[in-house]
């Protein structure tokens, strides 16, 4: 999963991002509305956490723009200091998918993020299977032929995308978009390193195939 936080309170944004990354969620941060709108239209996010009161471009304008733009499938969780019924109705009317008033608890935000992420993709079983591999999306665990795999968050993220594709080729661009954040240098070769480690942990017979000049598949 890949997520964008658009929040001008840098301390709050950093705390949320740290927690989400621990959960294995690739997370980008934008500290103003202009940068947030730019990132939201360039990258393929599953969920966007959007503060309503932002500098440069107001959160309402971002929400309205993204909700009306073709090709943007991200679900929007709007944050606001105001928690009245009118604010809730107003935010949802702009195109937000969910609404959370500040202050909020992190477990509640995380639960809502996961719920929105499930809606951002075609419906899938909570346990994905392909080629003898099982990935439990909610528990963040994986098995091969019943054997528990000990994977890093990035290895698990790559494996989830490959299993989700059910044998179809998955491009390197898609894997980088879904598993890493915007700080990654796409030419660093880190994806090859992660795939190498994943192949080793999956064991024999070899499961992940390289698709020349494109990416990988199971």
N, C-alpha and C. Protein backbone atom coordinates (compact mmCIF):
# COMPACT_ATOMS: atom_id res chain seq x y z
N UNK A 1 0.84 -1.19 0.00
CA UNK A 1 0.00 0.00 0.00
C UNK A 1 0.88 1.25 0.00
N UNK A 2 0.42 2.29 -0.72
CA UNK A 2 1.14 3.56 -0.70
C UNK A 2 0.18 4.67 -0.29
N UNK A 3 0.66 5.56 0.55
CA UNK A 3 -0.20 6.56 1.17
C UNK A 3 0.49 7.93 1.14
N UNK A 4 -0.33 8.98 1.04
CA UNK A 4 0.16 10.35 1.07
C UNK A 4 -0.49 11.09 2.23
N UNK A 5 0.34 11.76 3.04
CA UNK A 5 -0.16 12.63 4.10
C UNK A 5 0.03 14.07 3.65
N UNK A 6 -1.07 14.83 3.58
CA UNK A 6 -0.99 16.26 3.28
C UNK A 6 -1.40 16.98 4.55
N UNK A 7 -0.42 17.48 5.28
CA UNK A 7 -0.64 18.02 6.63
C UNK A 7 0.44 19.05 6.91
N UNK A 8 0.03 20.29 7.28
CA UNK A 8 1.01 21.35 7.48
C UNK A 8 1.63 21.33 8.87
N UNK A 9 1.09 20.55 9.80
CA UNK A 9 1.73 20.38 11.11
C UNK A 9 2.80 19.31 10.96
N UNK A 10 4.05 19.74 10.80
CA UNK A 10 5.12 18.81 10.46
C UNK A 10 5.33 17.73 11.52
N UNK A 11 5.18 18.10 12.79
CA UNK A 11 5.37 17.11 13.86
C UNK A 11 4.33 16.00 13.75
N UNK A 12 3.08 16.38 13.56
CA UNK A 12 2.00 15.40 13.41
C UNK A 12 2.24 14.54 12.18
N UNK A 13 2.61 15.18 11.07
CA UNK A 13 2.85 14.43 9.82
C UNK A 13 3.97 13.41 10.01
N UNK A 14 5.05 13.82 10.68
CA UNK A 14 6.18 12.91 10.89
C UNK A 14 5.80 11.74 11.79
N UNK A 15 5.03 12.01 12.84
CA UNK A 15 4.62 10.94 13.76
C UNK A 15 3.73 9.94 13.05
N UNK A 16 2.77 10.44 12.28
CA UNK A 16 1.88 9.54 11.53
C UNK A 16 2.67 8.71 10.52
N UNK A 17 3.58 9.38 9.79
CA UNK A 17 4.36 8.67 8.78
C UNK A 17 5.23 7.58 9.40
N UNK A 18 5.83 7.88 10.54
CA UNK A 18 6.67 6.88 11.22
C UNK A 18 5.85 5.66 11.59
N UNK A 19 4.67 5.88 12.16
CA UNK A 19 3.82 4.76 12.54
C UNK A 19 3.36 3.95 11.35
N UNK A 20 2.97 4.62 10.28
CA UNK A 20 2.48 3.93 9.09
C UNK A 20 3.60 3.14 8.42
N UNK A 21 4.81 3.69 8.40
CA UNK A 21 5.93 2.96 7.80
C UNK A 21 6.26 1.70 8.60
N UNK A 22 6.12 1.77 9.92
CA UNK A 22 6.33 0.59 10.75
C UNK A 22 5.32 -0.49 10.36
N UNK A 23 4.13 -0.08 9.96
CA UNK A 23 3.09 -1.02 9.52
C UNK A 23 3.34 -1.55 8.11
N UNK A 24 4.42 -1.09 7.47
CA UNK A 24 4.73 -1.55 6.13
C UNK A 24 4.06 -0.75 5.03
N UNK A 25 3.55 0.44 5.37
CA UNK A 25 2.87 1.29 4.40
C UNK A 25 3.85 2.34 3.89
N UNK A 26 4.11 2.34 2.59
CA UNK A 26 4.98 3.37 2.00
C UNK A 26 4.27 4.71 2.10
N UNK A 27 4.91 5.69 2.74
CA UNK A 27 4.23 6.95 3.08
C UNK A 27 5.03 8.15 2.64
N UNK A 28 4.37 9.05 1.90
CA UNK A 28 4.95 10.33 1.51
C UNK A 28 4.29 11.44 2.32
N UNK A 29 4.99 12.57 2.45
CA UNK A 29 4.47 13.72 3.20
C UNK A 29 4.54 14.96 2.33
N UNK A 30 3.47 15.76 2.38
CA UNK A 30 3.47 17.10 1.80
C UNK A 30 3.01 18.07 2.89
N UNK A 31 3.74 19.17 3.06
CA UNK A 31 3.46 20.09 4.16
C UNK A 31 2.63 21.30 3.72
N UNK A 32 2.23 21.35 2.47
CA UNK A 32 1.32 22.40 2.02
C UNK A 32 0.45 21.85 0.90
N UNK A 33 -0.62 22.56 0.59
CA UNK A 33 -1.58 22.08 -0.38
C UNK A 33 -1.04 22.00 -1.79
N UNK A 34 -0.17 22.93 -2.16
CA UNK A 34 0.38 22.92 -3.51
C UNK A 34 1.21 21.68 -3.77
N UNK A 35 2.11 21.36 -2.84
CA UNK A 35 2.94 20.17 -2.97
C UNK A 35 2.08 18.90 -2.88
N UNK A 36 1.09 18.93 -2.02
CA UNK A 36 0.22 17.78 -1.89
C UNK A 36 -0.54 17.47 -3.16
N UNK A 37 -1.08 18.50 -3.80
CA UNK A 37 -1.81 18.30 -5.04
C UNK A 37 -0.89 17.78 -6.14
N UNK A 38 0.34 18.29 -6.15
CA UNK A 38 1.31 17.82 -7.15
C UNK A 38 1.60 16.33 -6.98
N UNK A 39 1.90 15.91 -5.75
CA UNK A 39 2.20 14.50 -5.50
C UNK A 39 0.98 13.61 -5.79
N UNK A 40 -0.19 14.07 -5.40
CA UNK A 40 -1.40 13.26 -5.56
C UNK A 40 -1.74 13.00 -7.02
N UNK A 41 -1.33 13.89 -7.90
CA UNK A 41 -1.63 13.71 -9.32
C UNK A 41 -0.51 13.02 -10.08
N UNK A 42 0.65 12.87 -9.44
CA UNK A 42 1.79 12.23 -10.10
C UNK A 42 1.89 10.75 -9.73
N UNK A 43 1.63 10.43 -8.46
CA UNK A 43 1.81 9.07 -7.96
C UNK A 43 0.47 8.36 -7.78
N UNK A 44 0.53 7.04 -7.80
CA UNK A 44 -0.66 6.20 -7.68
C UNK A 44 -0.84 5.78 -6.22
N UNK A 45 -1.52 6.62 -5.43
CA UNK A 45 -1.73 6.34 -4.02
C UNK A 45 -3.00 5.52 -3.81
N UNK A 46 -2.98 4.71 -2.75
CA UNK A 46 -4.19 4.00 -2.34
C UNK A 46 -5.05 4.88 -1.44
N UNK A 47 -4.40 5.61 -0.54
CA UNK A 47 -5.11 6.45 0.42
C UNK A 47 -4.38 7.79 0.56
N UNK A 48 -5.15 8.87 0.69
CA UNK A 48 -4.59 10.19 0.97
C UNK A 48 -5.21 10.70 2.27
N UNK A 49 -4.36 11.01 3.25
CA UNK A 49 -4.80 11.65 4.48
C UNK A 49 -4.67 13.15 4.26
N UNK A 50 -5.78 13.85 4.24
CA UNK A 50 -5.82 15.24 3.80
C UNK A 50 -6.31 16.16 4.91
N UNK A 51 -5.45 17.05 5.39
CA UNK A 51 -5.87 18.07 6.35
C UNK A 51 -6.71 19.11 5.60
N UNK A 52 -7.71 19.62 6.27
CA UNK A 52 -8.61 20.55 5.58
C UNK A 52 -8.02 21.96 5.50
N UNK A 53 -7.41 22.42 6.58
CA UNK A 53 -6.87 23.79 6.62
C UNK A 53 -5.39 23.77 6.25
N UNK A 54 -5.11 24.01 4.98
CA UNK A 54 -3.74 23.95 4.46
C UNK A 54 -3.32 25.28 3.86
N UNK A 55 -2.03 25.61 3.91
CA UNK A 55 -1.53 26.79 3.21
C UNK A 55 -1.42 26.54 1.70
N UNK A 56 -1.41 27.61 0.94
CA UNK A 56 -1.25 27.64 -0.52
C UNK A 56 -2.48 27.12 -1.27
N UNK A 57 -2.86 25.88 -1.04
CA UNK A 57 -4.09 25.35 -1.64
C UNK A 57 -4.90 24.72 -0.52
N UNK A 58 -6.13 25.17 -0.34
CA UNK A 58 -6.97 24.67 0.76
C UNK A 58 -7.33 23.20 0.52
N UNK A 59 -7.48 22.46 1.62
CA UNK A 59 -7.83 21.05 1.52
C UNK A 59 -9.13 20.81 0.77
N UNK A 60 -10.10 21.71 0.92
CA UNK A 60 -11.36 21.56 0.19
C UNK A 60 -11.13 21.58 -1.31
N UNK A 61 -10.26 22.48 -1.77
CA UNK A 61 -9.97 22.58 -3.20
C UNK A 61 -9.24 21.34 -3.71
N UNK A 62 -8.32 20.80 -2.89
CA UNK A 62 -7.61 19.58 -3.27
C UNK A 62 -8.60 18.43 -3.39
N UNK A 63 -9.47 18.29 -2.41
CA UNK A 63 -10.45 17.21 -2.40
C UNK A 63 -11.35 17.30 -3.62
N UNK A 64 -11.84 18.49 -3.91
CA UNK A 64 -12.73 18.70 -5.06
C UNK A 64 -12.00 18.38 -6.37
N UNK A 65 -10.75 18.78 -6.47
CA UNK A 65 -9.98 18.53 -7.69
C UNK A 65 -9.73 17.05 -7.91
N UNK A 66 -9.29 16.35 -6.86
CA UNK A 66 -8.97 14.93 -7.00
C UNK A 66 -10.22 14.09 -7.25
N UNK A 67 -11.33 14.45 -6.59
CA UNK A 67 -12.56 13.69 -6.77
C UNK A 67 -13.09 13.78 -8.19
N UNK A 68 -12.77 14.88 -8.87
CA UNK A 68 -13.26 15.05 -10.23
C UNK A 68 -12.26 14.72 -11.31
N UNK A 69 -11.09 14.21 -10.94
CA UNK A 69 -10.03 13.94 -11.93
C UNK A 69 -10.02 12.47 -12.33
N UNK A 70 -10.05 12.21 -13.62
CA UNK A 70 -9.95 10.85 -14.13
C UNK A 70 -8.56 10.29 -13.82
N UNK A 71 -8.50 9.01 -13.50
CA UNK A 71 -7.23 8.35 -13.26
C UNK A 71 -6.75 8.42 -11.83
N UNK A 72 -7.45 9.16 -10.96
CA UNK A 72 -7.10 9.22 -9.55
C UNK A 72 -8.05 8.31 -8.78
N UNK A 73 -7.52 7.21 -8.26
CA UNK A 73 -8.36 6.23 -7.57
C UNK A 73 -8.18 6.25 -6.06
N UNK A 74 -7.29 7.12 -5.57
CA UNK A 74 -7.01 7.17 -4.13
C UNK A 74 -8.25 7.52 -3.33
N UNK A 75 -8.40 6.87 -2.18
CA UNK A 75 -9.47 7.20 -1.26
C UNK A 75 -8.97 8.29 -0.31
N UNK A 76 -9.84 9.23 0.02
CA UNK A 76 -9.44 10.41 0.79
C UNK A 76 -10.02 10.37 2.19
N UNK A 77 -9.12 10.45 3.18
CA UNK A 77 -9.50 10.58 4.58
C UNK A 77 -9.21 12.01 4.99
N UNK A 78 -10.25 12.80 5.21
CA UNK A 78 -10.08 14.21 5.51
C UNK A 78 -9.96 14.43 7.01
N UNK A 79 -8.97 15.24 7.42
CA UNK A 79 -8.76 15.60 8.82
C UNK A 79 -9.17 17.05 9.03
N UNK A 80 -9.74 17.34 10.19
CA UNK A 80 -10.11 18.72 10.48
C UNK A 80 -10.17 18.95 11.98
N UNK A 81 -9.96 20.19 12.38
CA UNK A 81 -10.08 20.56 13.78
C UNK A 81 -11.54 20.73 14.17
N UNK A 82 -12.39 20.97 13.17
CA UNK A 82 -13.82 21.16 13.44
C UNK A 82 -14.54 19.83 13.31
N UNK A 83 -15.41 19.53 14.27
CA UNK A 83 -16.05 18.23 14.25
C UNK A 83 -17.56 18.29 14.22
N UNK A 84 -18.13 19.38 13.71
CA UNK A 84 -19.58 19.49 13.69
C UNK A 84 -20.16 18.64 12.56
N UNK A 85 -21.46 18.39 12.65
CA UNK A 85 -22.15 17.63 11.62
C UNK A 85 -22.07 18.35 10.28
N UNK A 86 -22.13 19.68 10.31
CA UNK A 86 -22.06 20.45 9.07
C UNK A 86 -20.71 20.26 8.39
N UNK A 87 -19.63 20.22 9.19
CA UNK A 87 -18.30 19.99 8.63
C UNK A 87 -18.19 18.61 8.02
N UNK A 88 -18.75 17.62 8.71
CA UNK A 88 -18.73 16.25 8.20
C UNK A 88 -19.45 16.17 6.86
N UNK A 89 -20.65 16.71 6.81
CA UNK A 89 -21.43 16.68 5.57
C UNK A 89 -20.71 17.44 4.46
N UNK A 90 -20.14 18.60 4.83
CA UNK A 90 -19.44 19.40 3.83
C UNK A 90 -18.24 18.68 3.25
N UNK A 91 -17.46 18.01 4.12
CA UNK A 91 -16.28 17.29 3.64
C UNK A 91 -16.65 16.14 2.73
N UNK A 92 -17.67 15.38 3.10
CA UNK A 92 -18.08 14.26 2.26
C UNK A 92 -18.68 14.73 0.94
N UNK A 93 -19.35 15.87 0.97
CA UNK A 93 -19.93 16.41 -0.26
C UNK A 93 -18.85 16.83 -1.25
N UNK A 94 -17.68 17.17 -0.76
CA UNK A 94 -16.57 17.56 -1.65
C UNK A 94 -15.94 16.36 -2.34
N UNK A 95 -16.21 15.16 -1.85
CA UNK A 95 -15.65 13.96 -2.46
C UNK A 95 -14.78 13.14 -1.53
N UNK A 96 -14.66 13.56 -0.25
CA UNK A 96 -13.90 12.76 0.72
C UNK A 96 -14.63 11.44 0.97
N UNK A 97 -13.85 10.39 1.23
CA UNK A 97 -14.43 9.07 1.48
C UNK A 97 -14.66 8.82 2.97
N UNK A 98 -13.93 9.54 3.81
CA UNK A 98 -14.10 9.41 5.26
C UNK A 98 -13.63 10.70 5.91
N UNK A 99 -13.96 10.87 7.17
CA UNK A 99 -13.75 12.14 7.84
C UNK A 99 -13.35 11.86 9.28
N UNK A 100 -12.29 12.51 9.77
CA UNK A 100 -11.81 12.28 11.13
C UNK A 100 -11.49 13.62 11.77
N UNK A 101 -12.04 13.85 12.95
CA UNK A 101 -11.83 15.11 13.66
C UNK A 101 -10.60 15.03 14.55
N UNK A 102 -9.84 16.11 14.62
CA UNK A 102 -8.72 16.22 15.54
C UNK A 102 -9.24 16.66 16.91
N UNK A 103 -8.67 16.16 18.01
CA UNK A 103 -7.64 15.11 18.07
C UNK A 103 -8.27 13.74 17.84
N UNK A 104 -7.46 12.81 17.35
CA UNK A 104 -7.94 11.46 17.08
C UNK A 104 -6.93 10.46 17.62
N UNK A 105 -7.35 9.21 17.75
CA UNK A 105 -6.43 8.16 18.21
C UNK A 105 -5.77 7.51 17.00
N UNK A 106 -4.50 7.17 17.14
CA UNK A 106 -3.79 6.55 16.03
C UNK A 106 -4.42 5.21 15.62
N UNK A 107 -4.81 4.32 16.56
CA UNK A 107 -5.44 3.07 16.14
C UNK A 107 -6.69 3.28 15.29
N UNK A 108 -7.47 4.32 15.62
CA UNK A 108 -8.67 4.59 14.81
C UNK A 108 -8.27 5.04 13.41
N UNK A 109 -7.28 5.93 13.32
CA UNK A 109 -6.83 6.36 11.99
C UNK A 109 -6.31 5.19 11.19
N UNK A 110 -5.52 4.30 11.81
CA UNK A 110 -4.97 3.16 11.10
C UNK A 110 -6.08 2.24 10.59
N UNK A 111 -7.10 2.01 11.43
CA UNK A 111 -8.21 1.16 11.02
C UNK A 111 -8.94 1.76 9.83
N UNK A 112 -9.12 3.06 9.84
CA UNK A 112 -9.80 3.72 8.72
C UNK A 112 -8.95 3.69 7.45
N UNK A 113 -7.64 3.83 7.60
CA UNK A 113 -6.75 3.75 6.45
C UNK A 113 -6.86 2.38 5.79
N UNK A 114 -6.82 1.32 6.58
CA UNK A 114 -6.93 -0.02 6.02
C UNK A 114 -8.28 -0.24 5.35
N UNK A 115 -9.34 0.28 5.97
CA UNK A 115 -10.67 0.13 5.37
C UNK A 115 -10.75 0.86 4.03
N UNK A 116 -10.18 2.05 3.95
CA UNK A 116 -10.20 2.80 2.70
C UNK A 116 -9.33 2.14 1.64
N UNK A 117 -8.20 1.58 2.06
CA UNK A 117 -7.30 0.91 1.11
C UNK A 117 -8.00 -0.27 0.46
N UNK A 118 -8.80 -0.99 1.22
CA UNK A 118 -9.54 -2.12 0.65
C UNK A 118 -10.53 -1.64 -0.40
N UNK A 119 -11.09 -0.46 -0.19
CA UNK A 119 -12.04 0.09 -1.17
C UNK A 119 -11.34 0.66 -2.39
N UNK A 120 -10.04 0.99 -2.26
CA UNK A 120 -9.31 1.60 -3.37
C UNK A 120 -8.95 0.59 -4.44
N UNK A 121 -8.98 -0.71 -4.10
CA UNK A 121 -8.62 -1.76 -5.04
C UNK A 121 -9.82 -2.64 -5.30
N UNK A 122 -9.79 -3.40 -6.40
CA UNK A 122 -10.86 -4.37 -6.62
C UNK A 122 -10.95 -5.32 -5.44
N UNK A 123 -12.16 -5.74 -5.13
CA UNK A 123 -12.37 -6.62 -3.98
C UNK A 123 -11.50 -7.86 -4.08
N UNK A 124 -10.85 -8.22 -2.99
CA UNK A 124 -9.97 -9.39 -2.97
C UNK A 124 -10.14 -10.08 -1.62
N UNK A 125 -9.81 -11.36 -1.60
CA UNK A 125 -9.89 -12.12 -0.36
C UNK A 125 -8.87 -11.57 0.63
N UNK A 126 -9.17 -11.66 1.93
CA UNK A 126 -8.21 -11.17 2.94
C UNK A 126 -6.89 -11.94 2.92
N UNK A 127 -6.93 -13.20 2.43
CA UNK A 127 -5.71 -13.99 2.25
C UNK A 127 -5.52 -14.23 0.76
N UNK A 128 -4.44 -13.69 0.21
CA UNK A 128 -4.15 -13.84 -1.21
C UNK A 128 -3.33 -15.10 -1.42
N UNK A 129 -3.60 -15.85 -2.49
CA UNK A 129 -2.86 -17.08 -2.77
C UNK A 129 -2.46 -17.16 -4.23
N UNK A 130 -1.28 -17.70 -4.48
CA UNK A 130 -0.80 -17.95 -5.84
C UNK A 130 0.48 -18.78 -5.74
N UNK A 131 0.57 -19.85 -6.52
CA UNK A 131 1.78 -20.64 -6.58
C UNK A 131 2.22 -21.24 -5.27
N UNK A 132 1.26 -21.59 -4.41
CA UNK A 132 1.61 -22.16 -3.11
C UNK A 132 1.97 -21.14 -2.06
N UNK A 133 1.87 -19.84 -2.41
CA UNK A 133 2.17 -18.77 -1.46
C UNK A 133 0.87 -18.17 -0.95
N UNK A 134 0.81 -17.92 0.34
CA UNK A 134 -0.33 -17.26 0.97
C UNK A 134 0.15 -15.97 1.63
N UNK A 135 -0.52 -14.87 1.35
CA UNK A 135 -0.23 -13.59 2.01
C UNK A 135 -1.49 -13.14 2.73
N UNK A 136 -1.39 -13.05 4.05
CA UNK A 136 -2.50 -12.53 4.86
C UNK A 136 -2.33 -11.02 4.94
N UNK A 137 -3.17 -10.30 4.20
CA UNK A 137 -3.00 -8.85 4.06
C UNK A 137 -3.20 -8.14 5.39
N UNK A 138 -4.16 -8.60 6.19
CA UNK A 138 -4.46 -7.92 7.45
C UNK A 138 -3.40 -8.22 8.52
N UNK A 139 -2.99 -9.47 8.63
CA UNK A 139 -2.02 -9.83 9.67
C UNK A 139 -0.59 -9.54 9.24
N UNK A 140 -0.38 -9.21 7.97
CA UNK A 140 0.95 -8.92 7.43
C UNK A 140 1.88 -10.11 7.61
N UNK A 141 1.40 -11.29 7.21
CA UNK A 141 2.20 -12.52 7.28
C UNK A 141 2.15 -13.22 5.93
N UNK A 142 3.11 -14.13 5.73
CA UNK A 142 3.16 -14.88 4.47
C UNK A 142 3.66 -16.30 4.73
N UNK A 143 3.18 -17.24 3.92
CA UNK A 143 3.60 -18.63 4.00
C UNK A 143 3.83 -19.17 2.59
N UNK A 144 4.73 -20.14 2.49
CA UNK A 144 4.87 -20.90 1.26
C UNK A 144 4.71 -22.38 1.59
N UNK A 145 3.73 -23.00 0.97
CA UNK A 145 3.43 -24.42 1.22
C UNK A 145 3.31 -24.70 2.72
N UNK A 146 2.68 -23.76 3.44
CA UNK A 146 2.46 -23.92 4.87
C UNK A 146 3.61 -23.48 5.75
N UNK A 147 4.75 -23.15 5.15
CA UNK A 147 5.93 -22.73 5.92
C UNK A 147 5.90 -21.22 6.14
N UNK A 148 5.99 -20.80 7.40
CA UNK A 148 5.98 -19.38 7.72
C UNK A 148 7.23 -18.70 7.17
N UNK A 149 7.06 -17.55 6.52
CA UNK A 149 8.19 -16.79 5.97
C UNK A 149 8.47 -15.59 6.86
N UNK A 150 9.75 -15.35 7.13
CA UNK A 150 10.15 -14.18 7.91
C UNK A 150 10.66 -13.13 6.93
N UNK A 151 9.82 -12.14 6.65
CA UNK A 151 10.11 -11.16 5.61
C UNK A 151 10.21 -9.75 6.19
N UNK A 152 11.00 -8.92 5.52
CA UNK A 152 11.03 -7.50 5.86
C UNK A 152 9.75 -6.86 5.30
N UNK A 153 9.39 -5.66 5.77
CA UNK A 153 8.19 -4.99 5.23
C UNK A 153 8.25 -4.82 3.71
N UNK A 154 9.43 -4.50 3.16
CA UNK A 154 9.53 -4.32 1.71
C UNK A 154 9.39 -5.64 0.97
N UNK A 155 9.98 -6.70 1.50
CA UNK A 155 9.84 -8.02 0.88
C UNK A 155 8.38 -8.46 0.89
N UNK A 156 7.71 -8.21 2.01
CA UNK A 156 6.30 -8.58 2.09
C UNK A 156 5.46 -7.74 1.12
N UNK A 157 5.79 -6.47 0.99
CA UNK A 157 5.06 -5.61 0.06
C UNK A 157 5.21 -6.06 -1.38
N UNK A 158 6.43 -6.41 -1.78
CA UNK A 158 6.66 -6.90 -3.14
C UNK A 158 5.94 -8.21 -3.37
N UNK A 159 6.04 -9.12 -2.39
CA UNK A 159 5.38 -10.42 -2.52
C UNK A 159 3.87 -10.25 -2.63
N UNK A 160 3.30 -9.35 -1.84
CA UNK A 160 1.85 -9.11 -1.90
C UNK A 160 1.43 -8.68 -3.30
N UNK A 161 2.17 -7.76 -3.90
CA UNK A 161 1.81 -7.29 -5.24
C UNK A 161 1.93 -8.40 -6.28
N UNK A 162 2.95 -9.25 -6.16
CA UNK A 162 3.12 -10.34 -7.11
C UNK A 162 2.02 -11.39 -6.95
N UNK A 163 1.70 -11.72 -5.71
CA UNK A 163 0.63 -12.71 -5.47
C UNK A 163 -0.71 -12.15 -5.90
N UNK A 164 -0.93 -10.87 -5.65
CA UNK A 164 -2.19 -10.23 -6.03
C UNK A 164 -2.41 -10.31 -7.54
N UNK A 165 -1.31 -10.28 -8.31
CA UNK A 165 -1.41 -10.32 -9.78
C UNK A 165 -1.73 -11.71 -10.31
N UNK A 166 -1.63 -12.73 -9.47
CA UNK A 166 -2.01 -14.11 -9.82
C UNK A 166 -1.30 -14.62 -11.07
N UNK A 167 0.00 -14.38 -11.14
CA UNK A 167 0.79 -14.91 -12.24
C UNK A 167 1.01 -13.94 -13.39
N UNK A 168 0.26 -12.85 -13.43
CA UNK A 168 0.47 -11.85 -14.47
C UNK A 168 1.74 -11.05 -14.16
N UNK A 169 2.43 -10.56 -15.19
CA UNK A 169 3.64 -9.76 -14.95
C UNK A 169 3.31 -8.47 -14.21
N UNK A 170 4.18 -8.09 -13.29
CA UNK A 170 4.03 -6.84 -12.54
C UNK A 170 5.25 -5.98 -12.86
N UNK A 171 5.02 -4.77 -13.31
CA UNK A 171 6.12 -3.92 -13.75
C UNK A 171 6.94 -3.41 -12.56
N UNK A 172 8.20 -3.11 -12.81
CA UNK A 172 9.04 -2.51 -11.77
C UNK A 172 8.47 -1.16 -11.35
N UNK A 173 7.89 -0.43 -12.29
CA UNK A 173 7.29 0.87 -11.97
C UNK A 173 6.16 0.69 -10.95
N UNK A 174 5.32 -0.30 -11.16
CA UNK A 174 4.21 -0.54 -10.23
C UNK A 174 4.74 -0.93 -8.85
N UNK A 175 5.73 -1.80 -8.80
CA UNK A 175 6.28 -2.22 -7.51
C UNK A 175 6.90 -1.05 -6.77
N UNK A 176 7.63 -0.20 -7.47
CA UNK A 176 8.23 0.97 -6.83
C UNK A 176 7.15 1.94 -6.35
N UNK A 177 6.08 2.08 -7.13
CA UNK A 177 4.99 2.98 -6.75
C UNK A 177 4.28 2.51 -5.49
N UNK A 178 4.05 1.19 -5.38
CA UNK A 178 3.22 0.67 -4.30
C UNK A 178 4.00 0.36 -3.02
N UNK A 179 5.28 0.07 -3.13
CA UNK A 179 6.02 -0.42 -1.97
C UNK A 179 6.99 0.61 -1.40
N UNK A 180 7.43 1.56 -2.21
CA UNK A 180 8.37 2.58 -1.74
C UNK A 180 7.73 3.96 -1.78
N UNK A 181 8.37 4.92 -1.11
CA UNK A 181 7.86 6.28 -1.13
C UNK A 181 8.68 7.13 -2.08
N UNK A 182 8.36 8.42 -2.13
CA UNK A 182 8.95 9.32 -3.13
C UNK A 182 10.44 9.58 -2.89
N UNK A 183 10.97 9.23 -1.72
CA UNK A 183 12.38 9.47 -1.43
C UNK A 183 13.30 8.49 -2.15
N UNK A 184 12.74 7.41 -2.68
CA UNK A 184 13.56 6.39 -3.32
C UNK A 184 14.08 6.86 -4.67
N UNK A 185 15.37 6.64 -4.91
CA UNK A 185 15.96 6.85 -6.23
C UNK A 185 15.60 5.64 -7.09
N UNK A 186 14.79 5.82 -8.15
CA UNK A 186 14.34 4.66 -8.95
C UNK A 186 15.48 3.92 -9.63
N UNK A 187 16.66 4.53 -9.68
CA UNK A 187 17.81 3.89 -10.33
C UNK A 187 18.78 3.28 -9.32
N UNK A 188 18.36 3.18 -8.07
CA UNK A 188 19.26 2.70 -7.02
C UNK A 188 19.48 1.19 -7.06
N UNK A 189 18.59 0.46 -7.69
CA UNK A 189 18.72 -1.00 -7.74
C UNK A 189 18.21 -1.68 -6.50
N UNK A 190 17.52 -0.93 -5.62
CA UNK A 190 17.05 -1.53 -4.37
C UNK A 190 16.01 -2.61 -4.62
N UNK A 191 15.19 -2.47 -5.66
CA UNK A 191 14.18 -3.48 -5.94
C UNK A 191 14.85 -4.82 -6.26
N UNK A 192 15.93 -4.81 -7.02
CA UNK A 192 16.64 -6.06 -7.34
C UNK A 192 17.17 -6.72 -6.07
N UNK A 193 17.66 -5.90 -5.15
CA UNK A 193 18.19 -6.44 -3.88
C UNK A 193 17.07 -7.09 -3.08
N UNK A 194 15.90 -6.42 -3.03
CA UNK A 194 14.77 -6.97 -2.27
C UNK A 194 14.27 -8.26 -2.92
N UNK A 195 14.17 -8.29 -4.24
CA UNK A 195 13.72 -9.50 -4.93
C UNK A 195 14.70 -10.65 -4.71
N UNK A 196 15.99 -10.33 -4.71
CA UNK A 196 17.00 -11.36 -4.46
C UNK A 196 16.79 -11.98 -3.07
N UNK A 197 16.60 -11.13 -2.05
CA UNK A 197 16.37 -11.63 -0.71
C UNK A 197 15.07 -12.42 -0.61
N UNK A 198 14.05 -11.97 -1.32
CA UNK A 198 12.76 -12.65 -1.31
C UNK A 198 12.86 -14.03 -1.95
N UNK A 199 13.59 -14.13 -3.05
CA UNK A 199 13.79 -15.43 -3.70
C UNK A 199 14.50 -16.40 -2.76
N UNK A 200 15.49 -15.90 -2.05
CA UNK A 200 16.26 -16.76 -1.14
C UNK A 200 15.35 -17.28 -0.02
N UNK A 201 14.50 -16.42 0.51
CA UNK A 201 13.64 -16.83 1.62
C UNK A 201 12.51 -17.74 1.15
N UNK A 202 12.06 -17.58 -0.09
CA UNK A 202 11.01 -18.44 -0.62
C UNK A 202 11.53 -19.85 -0.86
N UNK A 203 12.82 -19.97 -1.18
CA UNK A 203 13.42 -21.28 -1.36
C UNK A 203 13.12 -21.92 -2.71
N UNK A 204 13.41 -23.20 -2.81
CA UNK A 204 13.23 -23.95 -4.05
C UNK A 204 11.89 -24.70 -4.03
N UNK A 205 11.34 -24.98 -5.21
CA UNK A 205 11.80 -24.53 -6.52
C UNK A 205 11.61 -23.03 -6.69
N UNK A 206 12.41 -22.38 -7.56
CA UNK A 206 12.31 -20.93 -7.75
C UNK A 206 10.89 -20.53 -8.13
N UNK A 207 10.42 -19.43 -7.56
CA UNK A 207 9.03 -19.02 -7.75
C UNK A 207 8.89 -17.72 -8.53
N UNK A 208 9.78 -16.76 -8.29
CA UNK A 208 9.66 -15.44 -8.92
C UNK A 208 10.49 -15.41 -10.20
N UNK A 209 9.83 -15.13 -11.31
CA UNK A 209 10.49 -15.04 -12.61
C UNK A 209 10.73 -13.58 -12.98
N UNK A 210 11.86 -13.32 -13.62
CA UNK A 210 12.13 -11.99 -14.16
C UNK A 210 11.51 -11.88 -15.55
N UNK A 211 10.76 -10.84 -15.78
CA UNK A 211 10.18 -10.57 -17.11
C UNK A 211 11.07 -9.51 -17.75
N UNK A 212 11.81 -9.88 -18.77
CA UNK A 212 12.81 -9.02 -19.37
C UNK A 212 12.26 -7.64 -19.72
N UNK A 213 12.97 -6.61 -19.29
CA UNK A 213 12.67 -5.20 -19.57
C UNK A 213 11.30 -4.77 -19.07
N UNK A 214 10.74 -5.51 -18.12
CA UNK A 214 9.42 -5.14 -17.61
C UNK A 214 9.34 -5.22 -16.09
N UNK A 215 9.57 -6.43 -15.54
CA UNK A 215 9.43 -6.57 -14.11
C UNK A 215 9.52 -8.03 -13.66
N UNK A 216 8.54 -8.48 -12.88
CA UNK A 216 8.59 -9.82 -12.31
C UNK A 216 7.18 -10.42 -12.29
N UNK A 217 7.15 -11.75 -12.11
CA UNK A 217 5.88 -12.43 -11.92
C UNK A 217 6.10 -13.75 -11.20
N UNK A 218 5.02 -14.25 -10.60
CA UNK A 218 5.04 -15.59 -10.00
C UNK A 218 4.59 -16.58 -11.07
